[in-house]
Amino acid sequence: MIRTVLVAGGAGYIGSHMVKMLSREDCHVVTLDNLSEGHRDAVVAGAFIEGDLLRPADLSDAFRAHRIDLVMHFAAHCYVGESVQDPRKYYRNNVAGTLNLLNAMLEAEAEQLCNAGRYERTEARRDTRAGSYRRKLATQAGEVTVKVPKLRQQTFETAIIERYRRRESSVEEALIEMYLAGVSVRRVEDITEALWGTRVSPATVSPES
Protein backbone atom coordinates (compact mmCIF):
# COMPACT_ATOMS: atom_id res chain seq x y z
CA MET A 1 0.00 0.00 0.00
CA ILE A 2 1.44 3.36 -1.04
CA ARG A 3 1.20 5.92 1.74
CA THR A 4 1.04 9.67 1.20
CA VAL A 5 3.41 11.57 3.47
CA LEU A 6 3.38 15.33 4.00
CA VAL A 7 6.88 16.60 4.76
CA ALA A 8 6.75 20.11 6.21
CA GLY A 9 10.10 21.78 5.62
CA GLY A 10 11.03 19.20 3.00
CA ALA A 11 13.14 21.66 1.01
CA GLY A 12 15.64 22.08 3.86
CA TYR A 13 18.77 20.02 4.47
CA ILE A 14 17.26 17.33 6.72
CA GLY A 15 13.79 17.43 5.20
CA SER A 16 15.07 16.95 1.64
CA HIS A 17 16.98 13.83 2.68
CA MET A 18 13.80 12.48 4.26
CA VAL A 19 11.93 13.15 1.01
CA LYS A 20 14.55 11.11 -0.89
CA MET A 21 14.36 8.24 1.60
CA LEU A 22 10.54 8.15 1.55
CA SER A 23 10.48 8.14 -2.25
CA ARG A 24 12.87 5.16 -2.24
CA GLU A 25 10.37 3.38 0.03
CA ASP A 26 7.65 3.91 -2.60
CA CYS A 27 5.81 6.56 -0.61
CA HIS A 28 4.00 9.39 -2.35
CA VAL A 29 5.66 12.48 -0.89
CA VAL A 30 4.11 15.94 -0.65
CA THR A 31 6.58 18.63 0.37
CA LEU A 32 5.36 21.87 1.92
CA ASP A 33 7.97 24.59 2.39
CA ASN A 34 7.98 28.40 2.35
CA LEU A 35 11.53 28.40 0.90
CA SER A 36 12.72 30.94 3.47
CA GLU A 37 15.70 28.68 4.21
CA GLY A 38 15.10 25.70 1.92
CA HIS A 39 15.71 25.31 -1.81
CA ARG A 40 13.20 24.20 -4.40
CA ASP A 41 15.89 22.28 -6.31
CA ALA A 42 16.51 20.13 -3.22
CA VAL A 43 13.09 18.50 -3.60
CA VAL A 44 13.74 15.79 -6.17
CA ALA A 45 10.62 13.64 -5.76
CA GLY A 46 6.89 13.93 -5.26
CA ALA A 47 4.66 17.00 -5.23
CA PHE A 48 5.80 20.42 -4.02
CA ILE A 49 3.65 23.10 -2.39
CA GLU A 50 5.10 26.50 -1.56
CA GLY A 51 3.27 27.20 1.69
CA ASP A 52 3.78 28.45 5.22
CA LEU A 53 2.79 26.96 8.56
CA LEU A 54 1.76 30.45 9.65
CA ARG A 55 -0.88 30.54 6.90
CA PRO A 56 -3.59 28.03 7.90
CA ALA A 57 -5.17 28.27 4.43
CA ASP A 58 -1.97 26.82 2.90
CA LEU A 59 -2.26 23.81 5.19
CA SER A 60 -5.96 23.32 4.50
CA ASP A 61 -5.32 23.42 0.75
CA ALA A 62 -2.52 20.86 1.07
CA PHE A 63 -4.64 18.40 3.05
CA ARG A 64 -7.60 18.79 0.67
CA ALA A 65 -5.48 18.36 -2.45
CA HIS A 66 -3.79 15.20 -1.14
CA ARG A 67 -5.18 12.47 1.11
CA ILE A 68 -2.37 12.60 3.68
CA ASP A 69 -1.64 9.47 5.74
CA LEU A 70 1.42 10.68 7.67
CA VAL A 71 2.98 14.03 8.55
CA MET A 72 6.65 14.75 9.22
CA HIS A 73 7.61 18.18 10.54
CA PHE A 74 11.03 19.65 9.67
CA ALA A 75 9.92 23.28 9.29
CA ALA A 76 11.20 24.59 12.63
CA HIS A 77 13.88 27.27 13.01
CA CYS A 78 16.89 25.73 14.72
CA TYR A 79 19.66 28.28 15.32
CA VAL A 80 20.29 28.79 19.03
CA GLY A 81 22.01 32.16 18.74
CA GLU A 82 19.28 33.62 16.54
CA SER A 83 16.57 32.26 18.87
CA VAL A 84 18.08 34.33 21.70
CA GLN A 85 18.26 37.46 19.55
CA ASP A 86 14.78 37.07 18.07
CA PRO A 87 12.67 34.83 20.35
CA ARG A 88 9.40 36.11 18.88
CA LYS A 89 10.32 34.82 15.43
CA TYR A 90 11.09 31.39 16.88
CA TYR A 91 7.92 31.28 18.97
CA ARG A 92 5.74 32.23 16.00
CA ASN A 93 7.24 29.65 13.66
CA ASN A 94 8.08 26.80 16.03
CA VAL A 95 5.11 27.01 18.41
CA ALA A 96 2.32 28.84 16.57
CA GLY A 97 3.25 27.20 13.27
CA THR A 98 3.27 23.72 14.79
CA LEU A 99 -0.08 24.43 16.44
CA ASN A 100 -1.51 25.41 13.04
CA LEU A 101 -0.23 22.14 11.63
CA LEU A 102 -1.83 20.13 14.45
CA ASN A 103 -5.17 21.88 13.95
CA ALA A 104 -5.00 21.26 10.20
CA MET A 105 -4.30 17.58 10.84
CA LEU A 106 -7.33 17.34 13.15
CA GLU A 107 -9.53 19.06 10.56
CA ALA A 108 -8.31 16.73 7.81
CA GLU A 109 -8.96 13.66 9.97
CA ALA A 110 -12.51 14.86 10.68
CA GLU A 111 -13.15 15.34 6.96
CA GLN A 112 -11.88 11.82 6.26
CA LEU A 113 -14.21 10.38 8.90
CA CYS A 114 -17.14 12.33 7.40
CA ASN A 115 -15.95 11.43 3.88
CA ALA A 116 -16.68 15.03 2.93
CA GLY A 117 -15.56 18.58 3.56
CA ARG A 118 -17.18 20.66 6.27
CA TYR A 119 -19.76 22.27 3.97
CA GLU A 120 -19.74 19.66 1.22
CA ARG A 121 -23.05 17.94 0.43
CA THR A 122 -22.63 14.53 -1.23
CA GLU A 123 -24.38 11.17 -1.11
CA ALA A 124 -21.13 9.62 0.10
CA ARG A 125 -21.07 11.73 3.28
CA ARG A 126 -21.02 9.49 6.36
CA ASP A 127 -21.35 12.09 9.12
CA THR A 128 -21.70 15.82 9.78
CA ARG A 129 -19.74 18.23 11.91
CA ALA A 130 -20.98 19.52 15.26
CA GLY A 131 -18.51 22.31 15.94
CA SER A 132 -15.36 21.81 18.00
CA TYR A 133 -14.03 22.09 21.52
CA ARG A 134 -10.78 23.46 22.84
CA ARG A 135 -8.30 21.02 24.38
CA LYS A 136 -5.37 22.30 26.42
CA LEU A 137 -2.05 20.49 26.16
CA ALA A 138 0.94 21.04 28.44
CA THR A 139 4.18 21.20 26.42
CA GLN A 140 7.78 22.19 27.05
CA ALA A 141 6.97 25.52 25.35
CA GLY A 142 4.06 26.12 27.72
CA GLU A 143 0.36 25.42 27.58
CA VAL A 144 -1.17 25.37 24.11
CA THR A 145 -4.75 24.89 22.94
CA VAL A 146 -5.89 22.85 19.95
CA LYS A 147 -9.34 22.83 18.33
CA VAL A 148 -10.73 19.30 18.37
CA PRO A 149 -13.59 18.69 15.91
CA LYS A 150 -16.85 17.13 17.07
CA LEU A 151 -19.00 14.85 14.92
CA ARG A 152 -22.73 14.25 15.25
CA GLN A 153 -22.74 10.46 14.91
CA GLN A 154 -19.19 9.25 15.56
CA THR A 155 -16.84 9.85 18.46
CA PHE A 156 -13.84 11.76 17.16
CA GLU A 157 -10.83 9.84 18.46
CA THR A 158 -7.48 10.85 17.07
CA ALA A 159 -4.09 9.37 17.88
CA ILE A 160 -2.77 12.85 18.73
CA ILE A 161 -5.23 13.35 21.59
CA GLU A 162 -5.48 9.71 22.70
CA ARG A 163 -1.72 9.41 23.13
CA TYR A 164 -1.68 12.60 25.19
CA ARG A 165 -4.67 11.44 27.25
CA ARG A 166 -2.94 8.13 28.07
CA ARG A 167 0.10 10.05 29.23
CA GLU A 168 -2.06 12.25 31.45
CA SER A 169 -3.69 9.18 33.04
CA SER A 170 -0.32 7.52 33.63
CA VAL A 171 1.08 10.66 35.26
CA GLU A 172 -1.95 11.04 37.54
CA GLU A 173 -1.72 7.39 38.62
CA ALA A 174 1.98 7.80 39.39
CA LEU A 175 1.28 10.97 41.42
CA ILE A 176 -1.36 9.25 43.53
CA GLU A 177 0.96 6.29 44.16
CA MET A 178 3.70 8.68 45.30
CA TYR A 179 1.28 10.43 47.66
CA LEU A 180 0.06 7.11 49.12
CA ALA A 181 3.68 6.09 49.62
CA GLY A 182 4.18 9.09 51.90
CA VAL A 183 5.62 11.71 49.56
CA SER A 184 4.29 15.17 50.44
CA VAL A 185 1.91 16.91 48.05
CA ARG A 186 4.31 19.83 47.60
CA ARG A 187 7.15 17.45 46.74
CA VAL A 188 4.95 15.67 44.22
CA GLU A 189 4.10 19.03 42.62
CA ASP A 190 7.81 19.91 42.34
CA ILE A 191 8.64 16.56 40.74
CA THR A 192 5.76 16.90 38.28
CA GLU A 193 6.85 20.36 37.22
CA ALA A 194 10.41 19.15 36.63
CA LEU A 195 9.34 16.14 34.58
CA TRP A 196 6.21 17.40 32.83
CA GLY A 197 6.79 21.13 32.56
CA THR A 198 3.72 22.16 34.54
CA ARG A 199 2.43 21.94 38.12
CA VAL A 200 -0.64 19.89 39.00
CA SER A 201 -3.29 21.03 41.44
CA PRO A 202 -3.19 19.52 44.95
CA ALA A 203 -6.64 18.04 44.29
CA THR A 204 -5.19 15.85 41.52
CA VAL A 205 -2.78 14.28 44.00
CA SER A 206 -5.02 14.22 47.07
CA PRO A 207 -8.75 14.98 47.00
CA GLU A 208 -8.49 15.95 50.68
CA SER A 209 -5.77 18.60 50.21
C-alpha atoms as a PDB file:
ATOM      1  CA  MET A   1       0.000   0.000   0.000  1.00  0.00           C
ATOM      2  CA  ILE A   2       1.444   3.362  -1.039  1.00  0.00           C
ATOM      3  CA  ARG A   3       1.203   5.920   1.745  1.00  0.00           C
ATOM      4  CA  THR A   4       1.043   9.669   1.198  1.00  0.00           C
ATOM      5  CA  VAL A   5       3.414  11.565   3.474  1.00  0.00           C
ATOM      6  CA  LEU A   6       3.380  15.327   3.997  1.00  0.00           C
ATOM      7  CA  VAL A   7       6.883  16.599   4.755  1.00  0.00           C
ATOM      8  CA  ALA A   8       6.751  20.105   6.206  1.00  0.00           C
ATOM      9  CA  GLY A   9      10.102  21.785   5.622  1.00  0.00           C
ATOM     10  CA  GLY A  10      11.029  19.199   3.001  1.00  0.00           C
ATOM     11  CA  ALA A  11      13.145  21.657   1.006  1.00  0.00           C
ATOM     12  CA  GLY A  12      15.638  22.083   3.861  1.00  0.00           C
ATOM     13  CA  TYR A  13      18.767  20.021   4.472  1.00  0.00           C
ATOM     14  CA  ILE A  14      17.260  17.331   6.724  1.00  0.00           C
ATOM     15  CA  GLY A  15      13.793  17.434   5.200  1.00  0.00           C
ATOM     16  CA  SER A  16      15.066  16.953   1.643  1.00  0.00           C
ATOM     17  CA  HIS A  17      16.985  13.828   2.682  1.00  0.00           C
ATOM     18  CA  MET A  18      13.797  12.479   4.264  1.00  0.00           C
ATOM     19  CA  VAL A  19      11.931  13.150   1.005  1.00  0.00           C
ATOM     20  CA  LYS A  20      14.553  11.109  -0.889  1.00  0.00           C
ATOM     21  CA  MET A  21      14.363   8.236   1.596  1.00  0.00           C
ATOM     22  CA  LEU A  22      10.543   8.145   1.549  1.00  0.00           C
ATOM     23  CA  SER A  23      10.478   8.143  -2.248  1.00  0.00           C
ATOM     24  CA  ARG A  24      12.865   5.157  -2.243  1.00  0.00           C
ATOM     25  CA  GLU A  25      10.368   3.379   0.027  1.00  0.00           C
ATOM     26  CA  ASP A  26       7.647   3.910  -2.601  1.00  0.00           C
ATOM     27  CA  CYS A  27       5.808   6.562  -0.605  1.00  0.00           C
ATOM     28  CA  HIS A  28       4.001   9.393  -2.346  1.00  0.00           C
ATOM     29  CA  VAL A  29       5.663  12.483  -0.891  1.00  0.00           C
ATOM     30  CA  VAL A  30       4.110  15.935  -0.650  1.00  0.00           C
ATOM     31  CA  THR A  31       6.581  18.633   0.374  1.00  0.00           C
ATOM     32  CA  LEU A  32       5.356  21.871   1.924  1.00  0.00           C
ATOM     33  CA  ASP A  33       7.972  24.588   2.388  1.00  0.00           C
ATOM     34  CA  ASN A  34       7.982  28.402   2.350  1.00  0.00           C
ATOM     35  CA  LEU A  35      11.532  28.401   0.905  1.00  0.00           C
ATOM     36  CA  SER A  36      12.722  30.938   3.472  1.00  0.00           C
ATOM     37  CA  GLU A  37      15.701  28.676   4.212  1.00  0.00           C
ATOM     38  CA  GLY A  38      15.099  25.698   1.923  1.00  0.00           C
ATOM     39  CA  HIS A  39      15.706  25.306  -1.807  1.00  0.00           C
ATOM     40  CA  ARG A  40      13.196  24.195  -4.403  1.00  0.00           C
ATOM     41  CA  ASP A  41      15.890  22.277  -6.314  1.00  0.00           C
ATOM     42  CA  ALA A  42      16.511  20.133  -3.222  1.00  0.00           C
ATOM     43  CA  VAL A  43      13.088  18.501  -3.602  1.00  0.00           C
ATOM     44  CA  VAL A  44      13.742  15.788  -6.174  1.00  0.00           C
ATOM     45  CA  ALA A  45      10.620  13.643  -5.757  1.00  0.00           C
ATOM     46  CA  GLY A  46       6.889  13.929  -5.257  1.00  0.00           C
ATOM     47  CA  ALA A  47       4.662  17.000  -5.227  1.00  0.00           C
ATOM     48  CA  PHE A  48       5.798  20.415  -4.021  1.00  0.00           C
ATOM     49  CA  ILE A  49       3.646  23.103  -2.393  1.00  0.00           C
ATOM     50  CA  GLU A  50       5.096  26.498  -1.558  1.00  0.00           C
ATOM     51  CA  GLY A  51       3.271  27.195   1.689  1.00  0.00           C
ATOM     52  CA  ASP A  52       3.783  28.452   5.216  1.00  0.00           C
ATOM     53  CA  LEU A  53       2.793  26.960   8.562  1.00  0.00           C
ATOM     54  CA  LEU A  54       1.764  30.453   9.648  1.00  0.00           C
ATOM     55  CA  ARG A  55      -0.878  30.535   6.901  1.00  0.00           C
ATOM     56  CA  PRO A  56      -3.591  28.026   7.895  1.00  0.00           C
ATOM     57  CA  ALA A  57      -5.170  28.266   4.426  1.00  0.00           C
ATOM     58  CA  ASP A  58      -1.973  26.819   2.899  1.00  0.00           C
ATOM     59  CA  LEU A  59      -2.260  23.813   5.192  1.00  0.00           C
ATOM     60  CA  SER A  60      -5.961  23.321   4.501  1.00  0.00           C
ATOM     61  CA  ASP A  61      -5.324  23.419   0.753  1.00  0.00           C
ATOM     62  CA  ALA A  62      -2.518  20.859   1.068  1.00  0.00           C
ATOM     63  CA  PHE A  63      -4.642  18.400   3.047  1.00  0.00           C
ATOM     64  CA  ARG A  64      -7.599  18.794   0.672  1.00  0.00           C
ATOM     65  CA  ALA A  65      -5.482  18.357  -2.453  1.00  0.00           C
ATOM     66  CA  HIS A  66      -3.792  15.197  -1.143  1.00  0.00           C
ATOM     67  CA  ARG A  67      -5.181  12.467   1.113  1.00  0.00           C
ATOM     68  CA  ILE A  68      -2.374  12.597   3.677  1.00  0.00           C
ATOM     69  CA  ASP A  69      -1.640   9.467   5.743  1.00  0.00           C
ATOM     70  CA  LEU A  70       1.418  10.681   7.671  1.00  0.00           C
ATOM     71  CA  VAL A  71       2.977  14.034   8.546  1.00  0.00           C
ATOM     72  CA  MET A  72       6.654  14.751   9.215  1.00  0.00           C
ATOM     73  CA  HIS A  73       7.608  18.181  10.536  1.00  0.00           C
ATOM     74  CA  PHE A  74      11.026  19.650   9.675  1.00  0.00           C
ATOM     75  CA  ALA A  75       9.925  23.276   9.294  1.00  0.00           C
ATOM     76  CA  ALA A  76      11.205  24.594  12.631  1.00  0.00           C
ATOM     77  CA  HIS A  77      13.876  27.267  13.010  1.00  0.00           C
ATOM     78  CA  CYS A  78      16.890  25.725  14.719  1.00  0.00           C
ATOM     79  CA  TYR A  79      19.664  28.284  15.316  1.00  0.00           C
ATOM     80  CA  VAL A  80      20.288  28.792  19.035  1.00  0.00           C
ATOM     81  CA  GLY A  81      22.008  32.156  18.738  1.00  0.00           C
ATOM     82  CA  GLU A  82      19.278  33.615  16.539  1.00  0.00           C
ATOM     83  CA  SER A  83      16.572  32.259  18.868  1.00  0.00           C
ATOM     84  CA  VAL A  84      18.078  34.332  21.702  1.00  0.00           C
ATOM     85  CA  GLN A  85      18.262  37.457  19.549  1.00  0.00           C
ATOM     86  CA  ASP A  86      14.777  37.073  18.070  1.00  0.00           C
ATOM     87  CA  PRO A  87      12.666  34.829  20.346  1.00  0.00           C
ATOM     88  CA  ARG A  88       9.395  36.108  18.884  1.00  0.00           C
ATOM     89  CA  LYS A  89      10.319  34.824  15.435  1.00  0.00           C
ATOM     90  CA  TYR A  90      11.085  31.386  16.878  1.00  0.00           C
ATOM     91  CA  TYR A  91       7.918  31.284  18.969  1.00  0.00           C
ATOM     92  CA  ARG A  92       5.742  32.229  15.999  1.00  0.00           C
ATOM     93  CA  ASN A  93       7.237  29.649  13.661  1.00  0.00           C
ATOM     94  CA  ASN A  94       8.081  26.797  16.034  1.00  0.00           C
ATOM     95  CA  VAL A  95       5.110  27.007  18.411  1.00  0.00           C
ATOM     96  CA  ALA A  96       2.322  28.838  16.573  1.00  0.00           C
ATOM     97  CA  GLY A  97       3.247  27.197  13.273  1.00  0.00           C
ATOM     98  CA  THR A  98       3.274  23.719  14.788  1.00  0.00           C
ATOM     99  CA  LEU A  99      -0.078  24.430  16.438  1.00  0.00           C
ATOM    100  CA  ASN A 100      -1.510  25.413  13.042  1.00  0.00           C
ATOM    101  CA  LEU A 101      -0.227  22.141  11.625  1.00  0.00           C
ATOM    102  CA  LEU A 102      -1.831  20.127  14.448  1.00  0.00           C
ATOM    103  CA  ASN A 103      -5.167  21.881  13.946  1.00  0.00           C
ATOM    104  CA  ALA A 104      -5.001  21.257  10.200  1.00  0.00           C
ATOM    105  CA  MET A 105      -4.304  17.576  10.843  1.00  0.00           C
ATOM    106  CA  LEU A 106      -7.331  17.336  13.147  1.00  0.00           C
ATOM    107  CA  GLU A 107      -9.533  19.056  10.564  1.00  0.00           C
ATOM    108  CA  ALA A 108      -8.310  16.733   7.813  1.00  0.00           C
ATOM    109  CA  GLU A 109      -8.964  13.665   9.972  1.00  0.00           C
ATOM    110  CA  ALA A 110     -12.515  14.856  10.682  1.00  0.00           C
ATOM    111  CA  GLU A 111     -13.146  15.344   6.963  1.00  0.00           C
ATOM    112  CA  GLN A 112     -11.883  11.821   6.257  1.00  0.00           C
ATOM    113  CA  LEU A 113     -14.214  10.381   8.897  1.00  0.00           C
ATOM    114  CA  CYS A 114     -17.135  12.329   7.395  1.00  0.00           C
ATOM    115  CA  ASN A 115     -15.953  11.435   3.882  1.00  0.00           C
ATOM    116  CA  ALA A 116     -16.684  15.027   2.934  1.00  0.00           C
ATOM    117  CA  GLY A 117     -15.564  18.578   3.561  1.00  0.00           C
ATOM    118  CA  ARG A 118     -17.184  20.661   6.270  1.00  0.00           C
ATOM    119  CA  TYR A 119     -19.764  22.273   3.965  1.00  0.00           C
ATOM    120  CA  GLU A 120     -19.735  19.659   1.216  1.00  0.00           C
ATOM    121  CA  ARG A 121     -23.047  17.939   0.429  1.00  0.00           C
ATOM    122  CA  THR A 122     -22.626  14.534  -1.228  1.00  0.00           C
ATOM    123  CA  GLU A 123     -24.378  11.171  -1.112  1.00  0.00           C
ATOM    124  CA  ALA A 124     -21.127   9.618   0.102  1.00  0.00           C
ATOM    125  CA  ARG A 125     -21.070  11.730   3.283  1.00  0.00           C
ATOM    126  CA  ARG A 126     -21.025   9.494   6.359  1.00  0.00           C
ATOM    127  CA  ASP A 127     -21.352  12.089   9.121  1.00  0.00           C
ATOM    128  CA  THR A 128     -21.704  15.816   9.780  1.00  0.00           C
ATOM    129  CA  ARG A 129     -19.744  18.233  11.914  1.00  0.00           C
ATOM    130  CA  ALA A 130     -20.982  19.520  15.262  1.00  0.00           C
ATOM    131  CA  GLY A 131     -18.513  22.312  15.937  1.00  0.00           C
ATOM    132  CA  SER A 132     -15.363  21.806  17.996  1.00  0.00           C
ATOM    133  CA  TYR A 133     -14.035  22.087  21.522  1.00  0.00           C
ATOM    134  CA  ARG A 134     -10.782  23.463  22.844  1.00  0.00           C
ATOM    135  CA  ARG A 135      -8.305  21.024  24.380  1.00  0.00           C
ATOM    136  CA  LYS A 136      -5.371  22.300  26.418  1.00  0.00           C
ATOM    137  CA  LEU A 137      -2.050  20.490  26.161  1.00  0.00           C
ATOM    138  CA  ALA A 138       0.940  21.042  28.436  1.00  0.00           C
ATOM    139  CA  THR A 139       4.175  21.200  26.422  1.00  0.00           C
ATOM    140  CA  GLN A 140       7.777  22.194  27.045  1.00  0.00           C
ATOM    141  CA  ALA A 141       6.968  25.518  25.349  1.00  0.00           C
ATOM    142  CA  GLY A 142       4.061  26.120  27.718  1.00  0.00           C
ATOM    143  CA  GLU A 143       0.358  25.417  27.580  1.00  0.00           C
ATOM    144  CA  VAL A 144      -1.168  25.366  24.109  1.00  0.00           C
ATOM    145  CA  THR A 145      -4.748  24.891  22.937  1.00  0.00           C
ATOM    146  CA  VAL A 146      -5.886  22.852  19.951  1.00  0.00           C
ATOM    147  CA  LYS A 147      -9.337  22.832  18.333  1.00  0.00           C
ATOM    148  CA  VAL A 148     -10.725  19.302  18.366  1.00  0.00           C
ATOM    149  CA  PRO A 149     -13.591  18.694  15.909  1.00  0.00           C
ATOM    150  CA  LYS A 150     -16.854  17.131  17.071  1.00  0.00           C
ATOM    151  CA  LEU A 151     -18.996  14.852  14.916  1.00  0.00           C
ATOM    152  CA  ARG A 152     -22.731  14.251  15.250  1.00  0.00           C
ATOM    153  CA  GLN A 153     -22.735  10.465  14.914  1.00  0.00           C
ATOM    154  CA  GLN A 154     -19.193   9.254  15.559  1.00  0.00           C
ATOM    155  CA  THR A 155     -16.839   9.849  18.456  1.00  0.00           C
ATOM    156  CA  PHE A 156     -13.844  11.758  17.165  1.00  0.00           C
ATOM    157  CA  GLU A 157     -10.832   9.840  18.463  1.00  0.00           C
ATOM    158  CA  THR A 158      -7.480  10.849  17.074  1.00  0.00           C
ATOM    159  CA  ALA A 159      -4.094   9.373  17.875  1.00  0.00           C
ATOM    160  CA  ILE A 160      -2.766  12.847  18.734  1.00  0.00           C
ATOM    161  CA  ILE A 161      -5.227  13.351  21.591  1.00  0.00           C
ATOM    162  CA  GLU A 162      -5.483   9.714  22.704  1.00  0.00           C
ATOM    163  CA  ARG A 163      -1.723   9.409  23.135  1.00  0.00           C
ATOM    164  CA  TYR A 164      -1.678  12.597  25.187  1.00  0.00           C
ATOM    165  CA  ARG A 165      -4.674  11.438  27.249  1.00  0.00           C
ATOM    166  CA  ARG A 166      -2.945   8.131  28.072  1.00  0.00           C
ATOM    167  CA  ARG A 167       0.097  10.051  29.231  1.00  0.00           C
ATOM    168  CA  GLU A 168      -2.063  12.251  31.452  1.00  0.00           C
ATOM    169  CA  SER A 169      -3.694   9.184  33.037  1.00  0.00           C
ATOM    170  CA  SER A 170      -0.323   7.520  33.629  1.00  0.00           C
ATOM    171  CA  VAL A 171       1.080  10.657  35.262  1.00  0.00           C
ATOM    172  CA  GLU A 172      -1.952  11.037  37.537  1.00  0.00           C
ATOM    173  CA  GLU A 173      -1.725   7.387  38.623  1.00  0.00           C
ATOM    174  CA  ALA A 174       1.977   7.803  39.389  1.00  0.00           C
ATOM    175  CA  LEU A 175       1.281  10.967  41.416  1.00  0.00           C
ATOM    176  CA  ILE A 176      -1.355   9.250  43.529  1.00  0.00           C
ATOM    177  CA  GLU A 177       0.956   6.287  44.164  1.00  0.00           C
ATOM    178  CA  MET A 178       3.701   8.682  45.304  1.00  0.00           C
ATOM    179  CA  TYR A 179       1.275  10.426  47.662  1.00  0.00           C
ATOM    180  CA  LEU A 180       0.063   7.111  49.118  1.00  0.00           C
ATOM    181  CA  ALA A 181       3.684   6.087  49.620  1.00  0.00           C
ATOM    182  CA  GLY A 182       4.184   9.092  51.898  1.00  0.00           C
ATOM    183  CA  VAL A 183       5.625  11.712  49.558  1.00  0.00           C
ATOM    184  CA  SER A 184       4.288  15.173  50.437  1.00  0.00           C
ATOM    185  CA  VAL A 185       1.907  16.907  48.054  1.00  0.00           C
ATOM    186  CA  ARG A 186       4.314  19.827  47.599  1.00  0.00           C
ATOM    187  CA  ARG A 187       7.149  17.454  46.745  1.00  0.00           C
ATOM    188  CA  VAL A 188       4.954  15.666  44.224  1.00  0.00           C
ATOM    189  CA  GLU A 189       4.100  19.026  42.622  1.00  0.00           C
ATOM    190  CA  ASP A 190       7.810  19.909  42.344  1.00  0.00           C
ATOM    191  CA  ILE A 191       8.640  16.556  40.738  1.00  0.00           C
ATOM    192  CA  THR A 192       5.757  16.900  38.285  1.00  0.00           C
ATOM    193  CA  GLU A 193       6.852  20.365  37.224  1.00  0.00           C
ATOM    194  CA  ALA A 194      10.410  19.155  36.632  1.00  0.00           C
ATOM    195  CA  LEU A 195       9.337  16.142  34.576  1.00  0.00           C
ATOM    196  CA  TRP A 196       6.211  17.400  32.833  1.00  0.00           C
ATOM    197  CA  GLY A 197       6.795  21.130  32.561  1.00  0.00           C
ATOM    198  CA  THR A 198       3.715  22.159  34.541  1.00  0.00           C
ATOM    199  CA  ARG A 199       2.427  21.944  38.116  1.00  0.00           C
ATOM    200  CA  VAL A 200      -0.643  19.889  38.996  1.00  0.00           C
ATOM    201  CA  SER A 201      -3.290  21.031  41.437  1.00  0.00           C
ATOM    202  CA  PRO A 202      -3.190  19.520  44.948  1.00  0.00           C
ATOM    203  CA  ALA A 203      -6.636  18.040  44.293  1.00  0.00           C
ATOM    204  CA  THR A 204      -5.192  15.854  41.521  1.00  0.00           C
ATOM    205  CA  VAL A 205      -2.784  14.284  44.001  1.00  0.00           C
ATOM    206  CA  SER A 206      -5.021  14.215  47.068  1.00  0.00           C
ATOM    207  CA  PRO A 207      -8.754  14.979  46.997  1.00  0.00           C
ATOM    208  CA  GLU A 208      -8.491  15.947  50.675  1.00  0.00           C
ATOM    209  CA  SER A 209      -5.775  18.595  50.208  1.00  0.00           C
END
